[in-house]
Protein backbone atom coordinates (compact mmCIF):
# COMPACT_ATOMS: atom_id res chain seq x y z
CA LYS A 1 98.07 103.36 103.62
CA GLU A 2 94.75 103.57 105.31
CA LEU A 3 93.01 100.68 107.18
CA THR A 4 89.61 99.39 105.80
CA LYS A 5 86.68 100.08 108.48
CA THR A 6 87.12 96.25 109.16
CA GLN A 7 90.91 96.59 109.89
CA GLN A 8 90.46 99.39 111.76
CA LYS A 9 88.00 97.61 114.09
CA ILE A 10 89.81 94.91 113.99
CA LEU A 11 92.97 96.30 115.10
CA GLU A 12 90.70 98.13 118.08
CA PHE A 13 89.58 95.02 118.94
CA LEU A 14 93.54 93.67 119.14
CA ALA A 15 94.10 96.68 121.49
CA GLU A 16 91.68 96.16 123.38
CA SER A 17 91.97 92.67 124.14
CA LYS A 18 95.74 93.20 125.01
CA THR A 19 94.49 95.25 127.66
CA ASN A 20 92.86 92.60 129.26
CA GLY A 21 95.89 90.54 129.02
CA LEU A 22 94.54 88.19 126.39
CA MET A 23 95.50 87.99 122.35
CA PRO A 24 92.32 86.54 120.61
CA THR A 25 92.38 83.69 118.02
CA LEU A 26 92.00 83.61 114.98
CA ALA A 27 89.05 82.11 115.42
CA GLU A 28 87.78 83.93 118.54
CA ILE A 29 88.08 87.09 116.03
CA ALA A 30 86.20 84.79 113.09
CA LYS A 31 83.60 84.70 115.72
CA LYS A 32 83.93 88.28 116.92
CA PHE A 33 83.32 89.89 112.93
CA GLY A 34 80.85 86.85 111.67
CA TYR A 35 83.67 85.24 109.76
CA LYS A 36 83.01 81.49 108.91
CA ASN A 37 86.60 81.30 108.01
CA ARG A 38 89.64 81.78 110.38
CA SER A 39 91.90 82.77 106.89
CA THR A 40 89.56 85.91 105.58
CA VAL A 41 90.70 86.86 109.67
CA GLN A 42 94.36 85.92 108.37
CA GLN A 43 94.07 88.22 105.27
CA HIS A 44 92.96 91.31 107.41
CA LEU A 45 95.57 91.19 109.68
CA GLN A 46 98.36 90.70 106.63
CA ALA A 47 96.95 93.81 105.05
CA ILE A 48 97.19 95.50 108.41
CA GLU A 49 100.64 94.58 109.02
CA LYS A 50 101.74 95.33 105.55
CA LYS A 51 100.72 98.74 105.99
CA GLY A 52 102.59 99.30 109.18
CA TYR A 53 99.87 99.72 111.61
CA MET A 54 101.33 95.99 113.36
């Protein structure tokens, strides 16, 4: 399955962060994308994983 635009952006952010040596926390991802709840980020990460991208 294809990723949504948001899921793609989150995955790209994770890849960029990994090259810098540090993976961001849920709170850091939420802040970067303007989410108030970390649970929203968790849902996106679960969807990305379910689709086989990580």
